[in-house]
């Protein structure tokens, strides 16, 4: 699988591989619930990234093993569509 980055250089991925999603939500517990809803019992690591200046949003990093491009994209889209998640990067 090849992905274009901002400089139009191709990034080659070999699956399975570790992948990191940055998630932004209003509160940590809502974010954790969204992760449970989407990935259920899959092994993952969740770590705090930062809070917005006004404290309205929190961002966290979700690191996990993805098995193929479809798996990686499915998780991204499911997180993005979840009502508790404001943004997925």
PDB file of N, CA and C in Angstrom:
ATOM      1  N   UNK A   1       0.847  -1.185   0.000  1.00  0.00           N
ATOM      2  CA  UNK A   1       0.000   0.000   0.000  1.00  0.00           C
ATOM      3  C   UNK A   1       0.883   1.235   0.000  1.00  0.00           C
ATOM      4  N   UNK A   2       0.544   2.196  -0.835  1.00  0.00           N
ATOM      5  CA  UNK A   2       1.299   3.442  -0.888  1.00  0.00           C
ATOM      6  C   UNK A   2       0.368   4.600  -0.561  1.00  0.00           C
ATOM      7  N   UNK A   3       0.870   5.528   0.218  1.00  0.00           N
ATOM      8  CA  UNK A   3       0.109   6.709   0.601  1.00  0.00           C
ATOM      9  C   UNK A   3       0.908   7.926   0.186  1.00  0.00           C
ATOM     10  N   UNK A   4       0.223   8.932  -0.350  1.00  0.00           N
ATOM     11  CA  UNK A   4       0.906  10.175  -0.700  1.00  0.00           C
ATOM     12  C   UNK A   4       0.933  11.081   0.513  1.00  0.00           C
ATOM     13  N   UNK A   5       2.089  11.665   0.794  1.00  0.00           N
ATOM     14  CA  UNK A   5       2.148  12.629   1.882  1.00  0.00           C
ATOM     15  C   UNK A   5       2.045  14.038   1.303  1.00  0.00           C
ATOM     16  N   UNK A   6       2.204  15.042   2.116  1.00  0.00           N
ATOM     17  CA  UNK A   6       2.028  16.427   1.693  1.00  0.00           C
ATOM     18  C   UNK A   6       2.993  16.830   0.579  1.00  0.00           C
ATOM     19  N   UNK A   7       4.119  16.153   0.471  1.00  0.00           N
ATOM     20  CA  UNK A   7       5.094  16.483  -0.568  1.00  0.00           C
ATOM     21  C   UNK A   7       4.989  15.545  -1.765  1.00  0.00           C
ATOM     22  N   UNK A   8       3.886  14.822  -1.859  1.00  0.00           N
ATOM     23  CA  UNK A   8       3.645  13.878  -2.945  1.00  0.00           C
ATOM     24  C   UNK A   8       4.664  12.748  -3.004  1.00  0.00           C
ATOM     25  N   UNK A   9       5.304  12.458  -1.886  1.00  0.00           N
ATOM     26  CA  UNK A   9       6.198  11.313  -1.805  1.00  0.00           C
ATOM     27  C   UNK A   9       5.366  10.125  -1.348  1.00  0.00           C
ATOM     28  N   UNK A  10       5.673   8.964  -1.872  1.00  0.00           N
ATOM     29  CA  UNK A  10       4.904   7.776  -1.524  1.00  0.00           C
ATOM     30  C   UNK A  10       5.479   7.102  -0.294  1.00  0.00           C
ATOM     31  N   UNK A  11       4.580   6.777   0.636  1.00  0.00           N
ATOM     32  CA  UNK A  11       4.931   6.056   1.847  1.00  0.00           C
ATOM     33  C   UNK A  11       4.491   4.614   1.651  1.00  0.00           C
ATOM     34  N   UNK A  12       5.398   3.704   1.788  1.00  0.00           N
ATOM     35  CA  UNK A  12       5.082   2.303   1.592  1.00  0.00           C
ATOM     36  C   UNK A  12       4.828   1.647   2.948  1.00  0.00           C
ATOM     37  N   UNK A  13       3.684   0.998   3.063  1.00  0.00           N
ATOM     38  CA  UNK A  13       3.322   0.316   4.305  1.00  0.00           C
ATOM     39  C   UNK A  13       3.297  -1.189   4.074  1.00  0.00           C
ATOM     40  N   UNK A  14       3.818  -1.912   5.033  1.00  0.00           N
ATOM     41  CA  UNK A  14       3.723  -3.362   5.008  1.00  0.00           C
ATOM     42  C   UNK A  14       2.835  -3.779   6.169  1.00  0.00           C
ATOM     43  N   UNK A  15       1.809  -4.561   5.856  1.00  0.00           N
ATOM     44  CA  UNK A  15       0.858  -5.002   6.874  1.00  0.00           C
ATOM     45  C   UNK A  15       1.201  -6.410   7.323  1.00  0.00           C
ATOM     46  N   UNK A  16       0.831  -6.746   8.564  1.00  0.00           N
ATOM     47  CA  UNK A  16       0.282  -5.859   9.594  1.00  0.00           C
ATOM     48  C   UNK A  16       1.336  -4.863  10.072  1.00  0.00           C
ATOM     49  N   UNK A  17       0.862  -3.713  10.579  1.00  0.00           N
ATOM     50  CA  UNK A  17       1.783  -2.703  11.088  1.00  0.00           C
ATOM     51  C   UNK A  17       1.123  -1.925  12.228  1.00  0.00           C
ATOM     52  N   UNK A  18       1.953  -1.286  13.033  1.00  0.00           N
ATOM     53  CA  UNK A  18       1.451  -0.418  14.094  1.00  0.00           C
ATOM     54  C   UNK A  18       1.003   0.889  13.464  1.00  0.00           C
ATOM     55  N   UNK A  19      -0.142   1.403  13.920  1.00  0.00           N
ATOM     56  CA  UNK A  19      -0.684   2.636  13.379  1.00  0.00           C
ATOM     57  C   UNK A  19      -1.147   3.505  14.534  1.00  0.00           C
ATOM     58  N   UNK A  20      -1.020   4.800  14.364  1.00  0.00           N
ATOM     59  CA  UNK A  20      -1.427   5.739  15.404  1.00  0.00           C
ATOM     60  C   UNK A  20      -2.493   6.684  14.866  1.00  0.00           C
ATOM     61  N   UNK A  21      -3.582   6.785  15.605  1.00  0.00           N
ATOM     62  CA  UNK A  21      -4.655   7.733  15.298  1.00  0.00           C
ATOM     63  C   UNK A  21      -4.634   8.798  16.386  1.00  0.00           C
ATOM     64  N   UNK A  22      -4.741  10.063  16.010  1.00  0.00           N
ATOM     65  CA  UNK A  22      -4.891  11.130  16.995  1.00  0.00           C
ATOM     66  C   UNK A  22      -6.376  11.470  17.043  1.00  0.00           C
ATOM     67  N   UNK A  23      -6.943  11.384  18.238  1.00  0.00           N
ATOM     68  CA  UNK A  23      -8.372  11.593  18.426  1.00  0.00           C
ATOM     69  C   UNK A  23      -8.619  12.839  19.250  1.00  0.00           C
ATOM     70  N   UNK A  24      -9.608  13.615  18.850  1.00  0.00           N
ATOM     71  CA  UNK A  24      -9.973  14.827  19.576  1.00  0.00           C
ATOM     72  C   UNK A  24     -11.437  14.705  19.981  1.00  0.00           C
ATOM     73  N   UNK A  25     -11.692  14.954  21.269  1.00  0.00           N
ATOM     74  CA  UNK A  25     -13.047  14.848  21.813  1.00  0.00           C
ATOM     75  C   UNK A  25     -13.240  15.913  22.891  1.00  0.00           C
ATOM     76  N   UNK A  26     -14.472  16.009  23.364  1.00  0.00           N
ATOM     77  CA  UNK A  26     -14.784  16.990  24.408  1.00  0.00           C
ATOM     78  C   UNK A  26     -14.288  16.552  25.774  1.00  0.00           C
ATOM     79  N   UNK A  27     -14.297  15.252  26.015  1.00  0.00           N
ATOM     80  CA  UNK A  27     -13.856  14.741  27.317  1.00  0.00           C
ATOM     81  C   UNK A  27     -13.264  13.346  27.171  1.00  0.00           C
ATOM     82  N   UNK A  28     -12.408  12.997  28.091  1.00  0.00           N
ATOM     83  CA  UNK A  28     -11.675  11.734  28.036  1.00  0.00           C
ATOM     84  C   UNK A  28     -12.610  10.526  28.101  1.00  0.00           C
ATOM     85  N   UNK A  29     -13.574  10.541  29.000  1.00  0.00           N
ATOM     86  CA  UNK A  29     -14.457   9.379  29.141  1.00  0.00           C
ATOM     87  C   UNK A  29     -15.282   9.140  27.888  1.00  0.00           C
ATOM     88  N   UNK A  30     -15.735  10.202  27.238  1.00  0.00           N
ATOM     89  CA  UNK A  30     -16.485  10.055  25.984  1.00  0.00           C
ATOM     90  C   UNK A  30     -15.585   9.472  24.899  1.00  0.00           C
ATOM     91  N   UNK A  31     -14.350   9.895  24.871  1.00  0.00           N
ATOM     92  CA  UNK A  31     -13.384   9.379  23.902  1.00  0.00           C
ATOM     93  C   UNK A  31     -13.130   7.890  24.149  1.00  0.00           C
ATOM     94  N   UNK A  32     -12.941   7.521  25.402  1.00  0.00           N
ATOM     95  CA  UNK A  32     -12.711   6.109  25.748  1.00  0.00           C
ATOM     96  C   UNK A  32     -13.912   5.243  25.380  1.00  0.00           C
ATOM     97  N   UNK A  33     -15.126   5.775  25.559  1.00  0.00           N
ATOM     98  CA  UNK A  33     -16.327   5.023  25.190  1.00  0.00           C
ATOM     99  C   UNK A  33     -16.379   4.821  23.677  1.00  0.00           C
ATOM    100  N   UNK A  34     -16.017   5.837  22.924  1.00  0.00           N
ATOM    101  CA  UNK A  34     -16.002   5.711  21.468  1.00  0.00           C
ATOM    102  C   UNK A  34     -15.025   4.626  21.026  1.00  0.00           C
ATOM    103  N   UNK A  35     -13.866   4.574  21.656  1.00  0.00           N
ATOM    104  CA  UNK A  35     -12.879   3.552  21.321  1.00  0.00           C
ATOM    105  C   UNK A  35     -13.434   2.160  21.630  1.00  0.00           C
ATOM    106  N   UNK A  36     -14.075   2.007  22.787  1.00  0.00           N
ATOM    107  CA  UNK A  36     -14.688   0.708  23.119  1.00  0.00           C
ATOM    108  C   UNK A  36     -15.743   0.326  22.080  1.00  0.00           C
ATOM    109  N   UNK A  37     -16.536   1.297  21.661  1.00  0.00           N
ATOM    110  CA  UNK A  37     -17.592   1.031  20.676  1.00  0.00           C
ATOM    111  C   UNK A  37     -17.017   0.590  19.334  1.00  0.00           C
ATOM    112  N   UNK A  38     -15.903   1.174  18.939  1.00  0.00           N
ATOM    113  CA  UNK A  38     -15.345   0.908  17.611  1.00  0.00           C
ATOM    114  C   UNK A  38     -14.437  -0.310  17.574  1.00  0.00           C
ATOM    115  N   UNK A  39     -13.503  -0.404  18.508  1.00  0.00           N
ATOM    116  CA  UNK A  39     -12.521  -1.497  18.420  1.00  0.00           C
ATOM    117  C   UNK A  39     -12.771  -2.617  19.418  1.00  0.00           C
ATOM    118  N   UNK A  40     -13.776  -2.444  20.265  1.00  0.00           N
ATOM    119  CA  UNK A  40     -14.183  -3.479  21.219  1.00  0.00           C
ATOM    120  C   UNK A  40     -13.000  -3.920  22.067  1.00  0.00           C
ATOM    121  N   UNK A  41     -12.611  -5.174  21.991  1.00  0.00           N
ATOM    122  CA  UNK A  41     -11.584  -5.732  22.868  1.00  0.00           C
ATOM    123  C   UNK A  41     -10.198  -5.780  22.239  1.00  0.00           C
ATOM    124  N   UNK A  42     -10.040  -5.191  21.060  1.00  0.00           N
ATOM    125  CA  UNK A  42      -8.729  -5.267  20.404  1.00  0.00           C
ATOM    126  C   UNK A  42      -7.659  -4.587  21.242  1.00  0.00           C
ATOM    127  N   UNK A  43      -6.477  -5.175  21.215  1.00  0.00           N
ATOM    128  CA  UNK A  43      -5.366  -4.621  21.972  1.00  0.00           C
ATOM    129  C   UNK A  43      -4.988  -3.255  21.406  1.00  0.00           C
ATOM    130  N   UNK A  44      -4.775  -2.301  22.315  1.00  0.00           N
ATOM    131  CA  UNK A  44      -4.415  -0.945  21.902  1.00  0.00           C
ATOM    132  C   UNK A  44      -3.740  -0.216  23.059  1.00  0.00           C
ATOM    133  N   UNK A  45      -3.145   0.905  22.744  1.00  0.00           N
ATOM    134  CA  UNK A  45      -2.555   1.764  23.765  1.00  0.00           C
ATOM    135  C   UNK A  45      -3.135   3.156  23.558  1.00  0.00           C
ATOM    136  N   UNK A  46      -3.631   3.739  24.630  1.00  0.00           N
ATOM    137  CA  UNK A  46      -4.193   5.076  24.582  1.00  0.00           C
ATOM    138  C   UNK A  46      -3.346   5.979  25.458  1.00  0.00           C
ATOM    139  N   UNK A  47      -2.867   7.080  24.895  1.00  0.00           N
ATOM    140  CA  UNK A  47      -2.035   7.999  25.666  1.00  0.00           C
ATOM    141  C   UNK A  47      -2.500   9.431  25.441  1.00  0.00           C
ATOM    142  N   UNK A  48      -2.397  10.229  26.490  1.00  0.00           N
ATOM    143  CA  UNK A  48      -2.801  11.627  26.425  1.00  0.00           C
ATOM    144  C   UNK A  48      -1.855  12.397  25.522  1.00  0.00           C
ATOM    145  N   UNK A  49      -2.416  13.272  24.718  1.00  0.00           N
ATOM    146  CA  UNK A  49      -1.593  14.114  23.845  1.00  0.00           C
ATOM    147  C   UNK A  49      -1.564  15.527  24.416  1.00  0.00           C
ATOM    148  N   UNK A  50      -2.709  16.221  24.374  1.00  0.00           N
ATOM    149  CA  UNK A  50      -2.785  17.548  24.990  1.00  0.00           C
ATOM    150  C   UNK A  50      -4.223  18.000  25.146  1.00  0.00           C
ATOM    151  N   UNK A  51      -4.402  19.056  25.908  1.00  0.00           N
ATOM    152  CA  UNK A  51      -5.703  19.691  26.067  1.00  0.00           C
ATOM    153  C   UNK A  51      -5.677  21.006  25.308  1.00  0.00           C
ATOM    154  N   UNK A  52      -6.843  21.424  24.830  1.00  0.00           N
ATOM    155  CA  UNK A  52      -6.904  22.718  24.153  1.00  0.00           C
ATOM    156  C   UNK A  52      -6.648  23.831  25.165  1.00  0.00           C
ATOM    157  N   UNK A  53      -6.277  24.970  24.662  1.00  0.00           N
ATOM    158  CA  UNK A  53      -5.915  26.097  25.527  1.00  0.00           C
ATOM    159  C   UNK A  53      -7.033  26.440  26.512  1.00  0.00           C
ATOM    160  N   UNK A  54      -8.255  26.426  26.042  1.00  0.00           N
ATOM    161  CA  UNK A  54      -9.383  26.745  26.913  1.00  0.00           C
ATOM    162  C   UNK A  54      -9.935  25.552  27.668  1.00  0.00           C
ATOM    163  N   UNK A  55      -9.383  24.376  27.431  1.00  0.00           N
ATOM    164  CA  UNK A  55      -9.838  23.176  28.127  1.00  0.00           C
ATOM    165  C   UNK A  55     -11.108  22.571  27.569  1.00  0.00           C
ATOM    166  N   UNK A  56     -11.553  23.054  26.411  1.00  0.00           N
ATOM    167  CA  UNK A  56     -12.792  22.559  25.818  1.00  0.00           C
ATOM    168  C   UNK A  56     -12.611  21.180  25.161  1.00  0.00           C
ATOM    169  N   UNK A  57     -11.401  20.903  24.685  1.00  0.00           N
ATOM    170  CA  UNK A  57     -11.137  19.644  23.994  1.00  0.00           C
ATOM    171  C   UNK A  57      -9.907  18.954  24.562  1.00  0.00           C
ATOM    172  N   UNK A  58      -9.889  17.627  24.396  1.00  0.00           N
ATOM    173  CA  UNK A  58      -8.736  16.822  24.786  1.00  0.00           C
ATOM    174  C   UNK A  58      -8.337  16.001  23.557  1.00  0.00           C
ATOM    175  N   UNK A  59      -7.040  15.828  23.374  1.00  0.00           N
ATOM    176  CA  UNK A  59      -6.594  14.944  22.287  1.00  0.00           C
ATOM    177  C   UNK A  59      -5.775  13.812  22.885  1.00  0.00           C
ATOM    178  N   UNK A  60      -5.957  12.634  22.283  1.00  0.00           N
ATOM    179  CA  UNK A  60      -5.259  11.440  22.738  1.00  0.00           C
ATOM    180  C   UNK A  60      -4.775  10.665  21.526  1.00  0.00           C
ATOM    181  N   UNK A  61      -3.729   9.880  21.732  1.00  0.00           N
ATOM    182  CA  UNK A  61      -3.186   9.029  20.682  1.00  0.00           C
ATOM    183  C   UNK A  61      -3.649   7.595  20.918  1.00  0.00           C
ATOM    184  N   UNK A  62      -4.183   6.997  19.880  1.00  0.00           N
ATOM    185  CA  UNK A  62      -4.595   5.593  19.907  1.00  0.00           C
ATOM    186  C   UNK A  62      -3.616   4.826  19.026  1.00  0.00           C
ATOM    187  N   UNK A  63      -2.823   3.962  19.635  1.00  0.00           N
ATOM    188  CA  UNK A  63      -1.846   3.158  18.911  1.00  0.00           C
ATOM    189  C   UNK A  63      -2.314   1.708  18.915  1.00  0.00           C
ATOM    190  N   UNK A  64      -2.295   1.091  17.738  1.00  0.00           N
ATOM    191  CA  UNK A  64      -2.734  -0.296  17.645  1.00  0.00           C
ATOM    192  C   UNK A  64      -2.212  -0.946  16.383  1.00  0.00           C
ATOM    193  N   UNK A  65      -2.308  -2.256  16.335  1.00  0.00           N
ATOM    194  CA  UNK A  65      -1.910  -3.033  15.174  1.00  0.00           C
ATOM    195  C   UNK A  65      -3.073  -3.056  14.190  1.00  0.00           C
ATOM    196  N   UNK A  66      -2.798  -2.678  12.941  1.00  0.00           N
ATOM    197  CA  UNK A  66      -3.807  -2.801  11.886  1.00  0.00           C
ATOM    198  C   UNK A  66      -3.350  -3.911  10.946  1.00  0.00           C
ATOM    199  N   UNK A  67      -4.303  -4.678  10.466  1.00  0.00           N
ATOM    200  CA  UNK A  67      -3.973  -5.885   9.706  1.00  0.00           C
ATOM    201  C   UNK A  67      -3.817  -5.649   8.211  1.00  0.00           C
ATOM    202  N   UNK A  68      -4.533  -4.655   7.689  1.00  0.00           N
ATOM    203  CA  UNK A  68      -4.454  -4.343   6.265  1.00  0.00           C
ATOM    204  C   UNK A  68      -5.051  -2.952   6.041  1.00  0.00           C
ATOM    205  N   UNK A  69      -5.016  -2.489   4.812  1.00  0.00           N
ATOM    206  CA  UNK A  69      -5.512  -1.144   4.509  1.00  0.00           C
ATOM    207  C   UNK A  69      -6.992  -1.002   4.824  1.00  0.00           C
ATOM    208  N   UNK A  70      -7.773  -2.012   4.519  1.00  0.00           N
ATOM    209  CA  UNK A  70      -9.210  -1.955   4.806  1.00  0.00           C
ATOM    210  C   UNK A  70      -9.462  -1.832   6.306  1.00  0.00           C
ATOM    211  N   UNK A  71      -8.717  -2.570   7.102  1.00  0.00           N
ATOM    212  CA  UNK A  71      -8.827  -2.511   8.561  1.00  0.00           C
ATOM    213  C   UNK A  71      -8.492  -1.100   9.055  1.00  0.00           C
ATOM    214  N   UNK A  72      -7.374  -0.562   8.575  1.00  0.00           N
ATOM    215  CA  UNK A  72      -6.928   0.780   8.979  1.00  0.00           C
ATOM    216  C   UNK A  72      -7.970   1.834   8.609  1.00  0.00           C
ATOM    217  N   UNK A  73      -8.483   1.756   7.393  1.00  0.00           N
ATOM    218  CA  UNK A  73      -9.481   2.733   6.937  1.00  0.00           C
ATOM    219  C   UNK A  73     -10.816   2.572   7.641  1.00  0.00           C
ATOM    220  N   UNK A  74     -11.221   1.325   7.915  1.00  0.00           N
ATOM    221  CA  UNK A  74     -12.474   1.090   8.619  1.00  0.00           C
ATOM    222  C   UNK A  74     -12.439   1.725  10.009  1.00  0.00           C
ATOM    223  N   UNK A  75     -11.343   1.509  10.734  1.00  0.00           N
ATOM    224  CA  UNK A  75     -11.218   2.079  12.081  1.00  0.00           C
ATOM    225  C   UNK A  75     -11.249   3.602  12.012  1.00  0.00           C
ATOM    226  N   UNK A  76     -10.521   4.166  11.064  1.00  0.00           N
ATOM    227  CA  UNK A  76     -10.506   5.629  10.890  1.00  0.00           C
ATOM    228  C   UNK A  76     -11.924   6.160  10.648  1.00  0.00           C
ATOM    229  N   UNK A  77     -12.630   5.570   9.703  1.00  0.00           N
ATOM    230  CA  UNK A  77     -13.979   6.049   9.360  1.00  0.00           C
ATOM    231  C   UNK A  77     -14.961   5.842  10.510  1.00  0.00           C
ATOM    232  N   UNK A  78     -14.858   4.709  11.203  1.00  0.00           N
ATOM    233  CA  UNK A  78     -15.766   4.436  12.324  1.00  0.00           C
ATOM    234  C   UNK A  78     -15.524   5.409  13.480  1.00  0.00           C
ATOM    235  N   UNK A  79     -14.267   5.709  13.760  1.00  0.00           N
ATOM    236  CA  UNK A  79     -13.959   6.693  14.804  1.00  0.00           C
ATOM    237  C   UNK A  79     -14.450   8.074  14.390  1.00  0.00           C
ATOM    238  N   UNK A  80     -14.198   8.436  13.142  1.00  0.00           N
ATOM    239  CA  UNK A  80     -14.600   9.753  12.623  1.00  0.00           C
ATOM    240  C   UNK A  80     -16.121   9.941  12.687  1.00  0.00           C
ATOM    241  N   UNK A  81     -16.862   8.864  12.461  1.00  0.00           N
ATOM    242  CA  UNK A  81     -18.325   8.940  12.448  1.00  0.00           C
ATOM    243  C   UNK A  81     -18.938   8.873  13.847  1.00  0.00           C
ATOM    244  N   UNK A  82     -18.171   8.484  14.850  1.00  0.00           N
ATOM    245  CA  UNK A  82     -18.714   8.323  16.200  1.00  0.00           C
ATOM    246  C   UNK A  82     -19.103   9.679  16.780  1.00  0.00           C
ATOM    247  N   UNK A  83     -20.249   9.732  17.420  1.00  0.00           N
ATOM    248  CA  UNK A  83     -20.774  10.995  17.969  1.00  0.00           C
ATOM    249  C   UNK A  83     -19.878  11.618  19.042  1.00  0.00           C
ATOM    250  N   UNK A  84     -19.082  10.819  19.730  1.00  0.00           N
ATOM    251  CA  UNK A  84     -18.226  11.348  20.800  1.00  0.00           C
ATOM    252  C   UNK A  84     -16.901  11.936  20.293  1.00  0.00           C
ATOM    253  N   UNK A  85     -16.555  11.649  19.054  1.00  0.00           N
ATOM    254  CA  UNK A  85     -15.283  12.090  18.496  1.00  0.00           C
ATOM    255  C   UNK A  85     -15.484  13.324  17.646  1.00  0.00           C
ATOM    256  N   UNK A  86     -14.714  14.359  17.914  1.00  0.00           N
ATOM    257  CA  UNK A  86     -14.795  15.592  17.138  1.00  0.00           C
ATOM    258  C   UNK A  86     -13.944  15.529  15.877  1.00  0.00           C
ATOM    259  N   UNK A  87     -12.769  14.882  15.970  1.00  0.00           N
ATOM    260  CA  UNK A  87     -11.857  14.820  14.829  1.00  0.00           C
ATOM    261  C   UNK A  87     -10.894  13.650  14.981  1.00  0.00           C
ATOM    262  N   UNK A  88     -10.515  13.075  13.844  1.00  0.00           N
ATOM    263  CA  UNK A  88      -9.525  12.003  13.809  1.00  0.00           C
ATOM    264  C   UNK A  88      -8.418  12.419  12.838  1.00  0.00           C
ATOM    265  N   UNK A  89      -7.191  12.350  13.284  1.00  0.00           N
ATOM    266  CA  UNK A  89      -6.054  12.676  12.411  1.00  0.00           C
ATOM    267  C   UNK A  89      -5.187  11.458  12.256  1.00  0.00           C
TER     268      UNK A  89
END
